[in-house]
Amino acid sequence: MALVLHRNVSMIQVAEKILLDEMLLDKVLAPMVIARLSDTVALVEPAKYDAAMARMRKLGHTPKTQG
């Protein structure tokens, strides 16, 4: 397993694995995700953070975030 370092990213955490699975299947959200860190945590490019959050809210999700 290779170690990858990401700088200047935003982290999104959802309550359940299924929510992140759905996020990664969404044609709008999936391209915004840089990496999946765990079953419930993903990294999103900061430039796409607002769009990702807006899309998640539109889908009815309210994830925890850290920018």
PDB file of N, CA and C in Angstrom:
ATOM      1  N   MET A   1       0.845  -1.172   0.000  1.00  0.00           N
ATOM      2  CA  MET A   1       0.000   0.000   0.000  1.00  0.00           C
ATOM      3  C   MET A   1       0.896   1.242   0.000  1.00  0.00           C
ATOM      4  N   ALA A   2       0.634   2.135  -0.910  1.00  0.00           N
ATOM      5  CA  ALA A   2       1.412   3.363  -1.026  1.00  0.00           C
ATOM      6  C   ALA A   2       0.816   4.462  -0.158  1.00  0.00           C
ATOM      7  N   LEU A   3       1.673   5.263   0.410  1.00  0.00           N
ATOM      8  CA  LEU A   3       1.239   6.405   1.197  1.00  0.00           C
ATOM      9  C   LEU A   3       1.038   7.593   0.263  1.00  0.00           C
ATOM     10  N   VAL A   4      -0.118   8.238   0.356  1.00  0.00           N
ATOM     11  CA  VAL A   4      -0.421   9.399  -0.474  1.00  0.00           C
ATOM     12  C   VAL A   4      -0.692  10.583   0.438  1.00  0.00           C
ATOM     13  N   LEU A   5      -0.025  11.689   0.191  1.00  0.00           N
ATOM     14  CA  LEU A   5      -0.201  12.904   0.975  1.00  0.00           C
ATOM     15  C   LEU A   5      -1.048  13.891   0.187  1.00  0.00           C
ATOM     16  N   HIS A   6      -2.113  14.375   0.804  1.00  0.00           N
ATOM     17  CA  HIS A   6      -2.974  15.377   0.179  1.00  0.00           C
ATOM     18  C   HIS A   6      -2.861  16.663   0.981  1.00  0.00           C
ATOM     19  N   ARG A   7      -2.744  17.775   0.294  1.00  0.00           N
ATOM     20  CA  ARG A   7      -2.718  19.083   0.953  1.00  0.00           C
ATOM     21  C   ARG A   7      -3.918  19.883   0.482  1.00  0.00           C
ATOM     22  N   ASN A   8      -4.351  20.785   1.352  1.00  0.00           N
ATOM     23  CA  ASN A   8      -5.441  21.683   1.000  1.00  0.00           C
ATOM     24  C   ASN A   8      -6.682  20.910   0.552  1.00  0.00           C
ATOM     25  N   VAL A   9      -7.205  20.084   1.437  1.00  0.00           N
ATOM     26  CA  VAL A   9      -8.408  19.300   1.159  1.00  0.00           C
ATOM     27  C   VAL A   9      -9.431  19.521   2.267  1.00  0.00           C
ATOM     28  N   SER A  10     -10.652  19.161   1.979  1.00  0.00           N
ATOM     29  CA  SER A  10     -11.721  19.211   2.980  1.00  0.00           C
ATOM     30  C   SER A  10     -12.181  17.787   3.256  1.00  0.00           C
ATOM     31  N   MET A  11     -12.530  17.532   4.500  1.00  0.00           N
ATOM     32  CA  MET A  11     -12.958  16.201   4.902  1.00  0.00           C
ATOM     33  C   MET A  11     -14.458  16.214   5.174  1.00  0.00           C
ATOM     34  N   ILE A  12     -15.147  15.210   4.657  1.00  0.00           N
ATOM     35  CA  ILE A  12     -16.573  15.041   4.903  1.00  0.00           C
ATOM     36  C   ILE A  12     -16.779  13.702   5.600  1.00  0.00           C
ATOM     37  N   GLN A  13     -17.540  13.730   6.692  1.00  0.00           N
ATOM     38  CA  GLN A  13     -17.854  12.504   7.422  1.00  0.00           C
ATOM     39  C   GLN A  13     -19.360  12.339   7.486  1.00  0.00           C
ATOM     40  N   VAL A  14     -19.825  11.154   7.120  1.00  0.00           N
ATOM     41  CA  VAL A  14     -21.251  10.848   7.176  1.00  0.00           C
ATOM     42  C   VAL A  14     -21.495   9.834   8.299  1.00  0.00           C
ATOM     43  N   ALA A  15     -22.730   9.712   8.713  1.00  0.00           N
ATOM     44  CA  ALA A  15     -23.070   8.863   9.853  1.00  0.00           C
ATOM     45  C   ALA A  15     -22.980   7.371   9.545  1.00  0.00           C
ATOM     46  N   GLU A  16     -23.292   7.003   8.311  1.00  0.00           N
ATOM     47  CA  GLU A  16     -23.346   5.581   7.962  1.00  0.00           C
ATOM     48  C   GLU A  16     -22.642   5.311   6.645  1.00  0.00           C
ATOM     49  N   LYS A  17     -22.081   4.128   6.526  1.00  0.00           N
ATOM     50  CA  LYS A  17     -21.356   3.716   5.327  1.00  0.00           C
ATOM     51  C   LYS A  17     -22.215   3.863   4.070  1.00  0.00           C
ATOM     52  N   ILE A  18     -23.471   3.512   4.167  1.00  0.00           N
ATOM     53  CA  ILE A  18     -24.364   3.559   3.000  1.00  0.00           C
ATOM     54  C   ILE A  18     -24.461   4.974   2.419  1.00  0.00           C
ATOM     55  N   LEU A  19     -24.370   5.983   3.254  1.00  0.00           N
ATOM     56  CA  LEU A  19     -24.454   7.367   2.767  1.00  0.00           C
ATOM     57  C   LEU A  19     -23.249   7.725   1.911  1.00  0.00           C
ATOM     58  N   LEU A  20     -22.068   7.293   2.329  1.00  0.00           N
ATOM     59  CA  LEU A  20     -20.875   7.558   1.522  1.00  0.00           C
ATOM     60  C   LEU A  20     -20.889   6.711   0.252  1.00  0.00           C
ATOM     61  N   ASP A  21     -21.391   5.497   0.351  1.00  0.00           N
ATOM     62  CA  ASP A  21     -21.551   4.661  -0.848  1.00  0.00           C
ATOM     63  C   ASP A  21     -22.439   5.366  -1.866  1.00  0.00           C
ATOM     64  N   GLU A  22     -23.553   5.923  -1.403  1.00  0.00           N
ATOM     65  CA  GLU A  22     -24.470   6.649  -2.286  1.00  0.00           C
ATOM     66  C   GLU A  22     -23.794   7.887  -2.877  1.00  0.00           C
ATOM     67  N   MET A  23     -23.000   8.568  -2.060  1.00  0.00           N
ATOM     68  CA  MET A  23     -22.282   9.756  -2.530  1.00  0.00           C
ATOM     69  C   MET A  23     -21.346   9.399  -3.672  1.00  0.00           C
ATOM     70  N   LEU A  24     -20.657   8.280  -3.538  1.00  0.00           N
ATOM     71  CA  LEU A  24     -19.696   7.870  -4.558  1.00  0.00           C
ATOM     72  C   LEU A  24     -20.364   7.315  -5.812  1.00  0.00           C
ATOM     73  N   LEU A  25     -21.631   6.977  -5.705  1.00  0.00           N
ATOM     74  CA  LEU A  25     -22.384   6.529  -6.885  1.00  0.00           C
ATOM     75  C   LEU A  25     -23.078   7.682  -7.599  1.00  0.00           C
ATOM     76  N   ASP A  26     -23.204   8.815  -6.935  1.00  0.00           N
ATOM     77  CA  ASP A  26     -23.864   9.983  -7.509  1.00  0.00           C
ATOM     78  C   ASP A  26     -22.969  10.599  -8.582  1.00  0.00           C
ATOM     79  N   LYS A  27     -23.510  10.801  -9.773  1.00  0.00           N
ATOM     80  CA  LYS A  27     -22.722  11.312 -10.901  1.00  0.00           C
ATOM     81  C   LYS A  27     -22.228  12.732 -10.690  1.00  0.00           C
ATOM     82  N   VAL A  28     -22.907  13.498  -9.849  1.00  0.00           N
ATOM     83  CA  VAL A  28     -22.484  14.868  -9.565  1.00  0.00           C
ATOM     84  C   VAL A  28     -21.426  14.878  -8.456  1.00  0.00           C
ATOM     85  N   LEU A  29     -21.647  14.116  -7.397  1.00  0.00           N
ATOM     86  CA  LEU A  29     -20.739  14.124  -6.247  1.00  0.00           C
ATOM     87  C   LEU A  29     -19.451  13.333  -6.451  1.00  0.00           C
ATOM     88  N   ALA A  30     -19.530  12.207  -7.093  1.00  0.00           N
ATOM     89  CA  ALA A  30     -18.366  11.316  -7.209  1.00  0.00           C
ATOM     90  C   ALA A  30     -17.115  12.007  -7.757  1.00  0.00           C
ATOM     91  N   PRO A  31     -17.216  12.841  -8.789  1.00  0.00           N
ATOM     92  CA  PRO A  31     -16.001  13.488  -9.304  1.00  0.00           C
ATOM     93  C   PRO A  31     -15.375  14.495  -8.331  1.00  0.00           C
ATOM     94  N   MET A  32     -16.115  14.920  -7.322  1.00  0.00           N
ATOM     95  CA  MET A  32     -15.609  15.882  -6.350  1.00  0.00           C
ATOM     96  C   MET A  32     -14.771  15.230  -5.260  1.00  0.00           C
ATOM     97  N   VAL A  33     -14.873  13.907  -5.129  1.00  0.00           N
ATOM     98  CA  VAL A  33     -14.177  13.170  -4.084  1.00  0.00           C
ATOM     99  C   VAL A  33     -12.760  12.829  -4.539  1.00  0.00           C
ATOM    100  N   ILE A  34     -11.785  13.212  -3.723  1.00  0.00           N
ATOM    101  CA  ILE A  34     -10.385  12.903  -4.004  1.00  0.00           C
ATOM    102  C   ILE A  34     -10.052  11.481  -3.558  1.00  0.00           C
ATOM    103  N   ALA A  35     -10.514  11.145  -2.340  1.00  0.00           N
ATOM    104  CA  ALA A  35     -10.195   9.834  -1.784  1.00  0.00           C
ATOM    105  C   ALA A  35     -11.200   9.466  -0.703  1.00  0.00           C
ATOM    106  N   ARG A  36     -11.399   8.177  -0.556  1.00  0.00           N
ATOM    107  CA  ARG A  36     -12.209   7.661   0.544  1.00  0.00           C
ATOM    108  C   ARG A  36     -11.236   7.186   1.617  1.00  0.00           C
ATOM    109  N   LEU A  37     -11.348   7.748   2.818  1.00  0.00           N
ATOM    110  CA  LEU A  37     -10.421   7.407   3.890  1.00  0.00           C
ATOM    111  C   LEU A  37     -10.900   6.237   4.742  1.00  0.00           C
ATOM    112  N   SER A  38     -12.216   6.104   4.847  1.00  0.00           N
ATOM    113  CA  SER A  38     -12.794   5.019   5.639  1.00  0.00           C
ATOM    114  C   SER A  38     -14.208   4.777   5.126  1.00  0.00           C
ATOM    115  N   ASP A  39     -14.951   3.959   5.832  1.00  0.00           N
ATOM    116  CA  ASP A  39     -16.332   3.686   5.429  1.00  0.00           C
ATOM    117  C   ASP A  39     -17.211   4.931   5.473  1.00  0.00           C
ATOM    118  N   THR A  40     -16.820   5.902   6.305  1.00  0.00           N
ATOM    119  CA  THR A  40     -17.677   7.075   6.488  1.00  0.00           C
ATOM    120  C   THR A  40     -16.984   8.419   6.253  1.00  0.00           C
ATOM    121  N   VAL A  41     -15.731   8.406   5.815  1.00  0.00           N
ATOM    122  CA  VAL A  41     -14.972   9.655   5.641  1.00  0.00           C
ATOM    123  C   VAL A  41     -14.370   9.730   4.239  1.00  0.00           C
ATOM    124  N   ALA A  42     -14.519  10.904   3.609  1.00  0.00           N
ATOM    125  CA  ALA A  42     -13.947  11.141   2.286  1.00  0.00           C
ATOM    126  C   ALA A  42     -13.295  12.520   2.239  1.00  0.00           C
ATOM    127  N   LEU A  43     -12.341  12.671   1.338  1.00  0.00           N
ATOM    128  CA  LEU A  43     -11.703  13.957   1.088  1.00  0.00           C
ATOM    129  C   LEU A  43     -12.294  14.571  -0.169  1.00  0.00           C
ATOM    130  N   VAL A  44     -12.539  15.876  -0.102  1.00  0.00           N
ATOM    131  CA  VAL A  44     -13.109  16.612  -1.225  1.00  0.00           C
ATOM    132  C   VAL A  44     -12.207  17.811  -1.508  1.00  0.00           C
ATOM    133  N   GLU A  45     -12.037  18.134  -2.778  1.00  0.00           N
ATOM    134  CA  GLU A  45     -11.252  19.309  -3.134  1.00  0.00           C
ATOM    135  C   GLU A  45     -11.920  20.558  -2.566  1.00  0.00           C
ATOM    136  N   PRO A  46     -11.151  21.452  -1.928  1.00  0.00           N
ATOM    137  CA  PRO A  46     -11.738  22.655  -1.346  1.00  0.00           C
ATOM    138  C   PRO A  46     -12.497  23.511  -2.360  1.00  0.00           C
ATOM    139  N   ALA A  47     -12.034  23.579  -3.582  1.00  0.00           N
ATOM    140  CA  ALA A  47     -12.712  24.375  -4.608  1.00  0.00           C
ATOM    141  C   ALA A  47     -14.095  23.814  -4.933  1.00  0.00           C
ATOM    142  N   LYS A  48     -14.304  22.546  -4.626  1.00  0.00           N
ATOM    143  CA  LYS A  48     -15.591  21.898  -4.922  1.00  0.00           C
ATOM    144  C   LYS A  48     -16.406  21.624  -3.662  1.00  0.00           C
ATOM    145  N   TYR A  49     -15.888  22.081  -2.520  1.00  0.00           N
ATOM    146  CA  TYR A  49     -16.538  21.824  -1.241  1.00  0.00           C
ATOM    147  C   TYR A  49     -17.969  22.376  -1.190  1.00  0.00           C
ATOM    148  N   ASP A  50     -18.150  23.637  -1.553  1.00  0.00           N
ATOM    149  CA  ASP A  50     -19.486  24.236  -1.489  1.00  0.00           C
ATOM    150  C   ASP A  50     -20.467  23.508  -2.386  1.00  0.00           C
ATOM    151  N   ALA A  51     -20.023  23.147  -3.579  1.00  0.00           N
ATOM    152  CA  ALA A  51     -20.891  22.411  -4.508  1.00  0.00           C
ATOM    153  C   ALA A  51     -21.222  21.024  -3.957  1.00  0.00           C
ATOM    154  N   ALA A  52     -20.242  20.378  -3.338  1.00  0.00           N
ATOM    155  CA  ALA A  52     -20.475  19.053  -2.757  1.00  0.00           C
ATOM    156  C   ALA A  52     -21.482  19.132  -1.619  1.00  0.00           C
ATOM    157  N   MET A  53     -21.321  20.134  -0.759  1.00  0.00           N
ATOM    158  CA  MET A  53     -22.248  20.293   0.361  1.00  0.00           C
ATOM    159  C   MET A  53     -23.654  20.631  -0.128  1.00  0.00           C
ATOM    160  N   ALA A  54     -23.759  21.475  -1.124  1.00  0.00           N
ATOM    161  CA  ALA A  54     -25.069  21.824  -1.673  1.00  0.00           C
ATOM    162  C   ALA A  54     -25.753  20.589  -2.259  1.00  0.00           C
ATOM    163  N   ARG A  55     -24.989  19.782  -2.967  1.00  0.00           N
ATOM    164  CA  ARG A  55     -25.551  18.561  -3.558  1.00  0.00           C
ATOM    165  C   ARG A  55     -25.986  17.595  -2.455  1.00  0.00           C
ATOM    166  N   MET A  56     -25.170  17.448  -1.414  1.00  0.00           N
ATOM    167  CA  MET A  56     -25.534  16.539  -0.333  1.00  0.00           C
ATOM    168  C   MET A  56     -26.796  17.016   0.381  1.00  0.00           C
ATOM    169  N   ARG A  57     -26.901  18.328   0.597  1.00  0.00           N
ATOM    170  CA  ARG A  57     -28.118  18.863   1.230  1.00  0.00           C
ATOM    171  C   ARG A  57     -29.330  18.630   0.327  1.00  0.00           C
ATOM    172  N   LYS A  58     -29.143  18.788  -0.970  1.00  0.00           N
ATOM    173  CA  LYS A  58     -30.243  18.555  -1.913  1.00  0.00           C
ATOM    174  C   LYS A  58     -30.720  17.104  -1.849  1.00  0.00           C
ATOM    175  N   LEU A  59     -29.784  16.197  -1.587  1.00  0.00           N
ATOM    176  CA  LEU A  59     -30.119  14.771  -1.471  1.00  0.00           C
ATOM    177  C   LEU A  59     -30.621  14.403  -0.073  1.00  0.00           C
ATOM    178  N   GLY A  60     -30.654  15.410   0.836  1.00  0.00           N
ATOM    179  CA  GLY A  60     -31.184  15.175   2.169  1.00  0.00           C
ATOM    180  C   GLY A  60     -30.158  14.761   3.208  1.00  0.00           C
ATOM    181  N   HIS A  61     -28.866  14.928   2.912  1.00  0.00           N
ATOM    182  CA  HIS A  61     -27.808  14.537   3.838  1.00  0.00           C
ATOM    183  C   HIS A  61     -27.226  15.760   4.530  1.00  0.00           C
ATOM    184  N   THR A  62     -26.803  15.596   5.775  1.00  0.00           N
ATOM    185  CA  THR A  62     -26.150  16.671   6.526  1.00  0.00           C
ATOM    186  C   THR A  62     -24.874  16.124   7.155  1.00  0.00           C
ATOM    187  N   PRO A  63     -23.797  16.015   6.368  1.00  0.00           N
ATOM    188  CA  PRO A  63     -22.556  15.448   6.888  1.00  0.00           C
ATOM    189  C   PRO A  63     -21.802  16.386   7.803  1.00  0.00           C
ATOM    190  N   LYS A  64     -20.906  15.820   8.603  1.00  0.00           N
ATOM    191  CA  LYS A  64     -19.949  16.612   9.374  1.00  0.00           C
ATOM    192  C   LYS A  64     -18.825  16.972   8.421  1.00  0.00           C
ATOM    193  N   THR A  65     -18.271  18.154   8.594  1.00  0.00           N
ATOM    194  CA  THR A  65     -17.197  18.571   7.701  1.00  0.00           C
ATOM    195  C   THR A  65     -16.063  19.222   8.455  1.00  0.00           C
ATOM    196  N   GLN A  66     -14.920  19.207   7.819  1.00  0.00           N
ATOM    197  CA  GLN A  66     -13.768  19.921   8.336  1.00  0.00           C
ATOM    198  C   GLN A  66     -12.966  20.411   7.147  1.00  0.00           C
ATOM    199  N   GLY A  67     -12.793  21.728   7.054  1.00  0.00           N
ATOM    200  CA  GLY A  67     -12.124  22.307   5.901  1.00  0.00           C
ATOM    201  C   GLY A  67     -10.772  22.619   6.163  1.00  0.00           C
TER     202      GLY A  67
END
